[in-house]
Amino acid sequence: MSQLDISKQTGIAKTILEDKAKSEQKELEIWQKESKVNSWKSDHLDKLAGALAKAQSEMEGAKKESTNPFFKSSYADLHAVIKASFPHLSKYGLSITQGNEMIEGAVCVTTTLLHESGQWIRSKVKLPLAKVDAQGVGSAITYGRRYGLSSMVGIAQYDDDANSIRK
């Protein structure tokens, strides 16, 4: 085999490999776009939606059982929202997970509603830190969890302590 034949074969192989790499890159870009579009929910929601509708039909609003002495107001704390929702969610095969992610000057709280079928929906909220210490982080996480859960399951609560997140 001559040097010219080897050179042609190498060039052909190189072109094939480059074309394959471009094709794989395009597939990856498509997959990434699709996963970003649907990163907040599973492909199907029919079973989750039916179960959530049943649970919501039995839920009442979260009771205002806590007091904010600074603003002289009462509000439904995280425990009140959990008490108002979890029994009804679990009755219909639904559960909640919540996680936290620290970013500069803020905390993100992610709430995921799961159905026993594997279907799920997710919501993420970014909360600024009023104070960059344990109290500030804990406050923001609790606030995010309370509102994340409330909005995910449709529990009404009276928001008269929103000023605390701004201070």
Foldseek 3Di string as FASTA:
>chain_A
DDPVVVVVVVVVVVVVVVVVVVVVVVVVVVVVVVCVVCVFWDPDCVLVVVLLVQLLVPFAAQDFPDADVVLRDTKRFQVSLCVRRVVSQVVSQKDKDWDWDDDVQWIKIKIKIAGPVGIIGMDIDIAGFPDPDPVSHVVRRRVNSSVRSCVVSVHDMDPPPVVVSVD
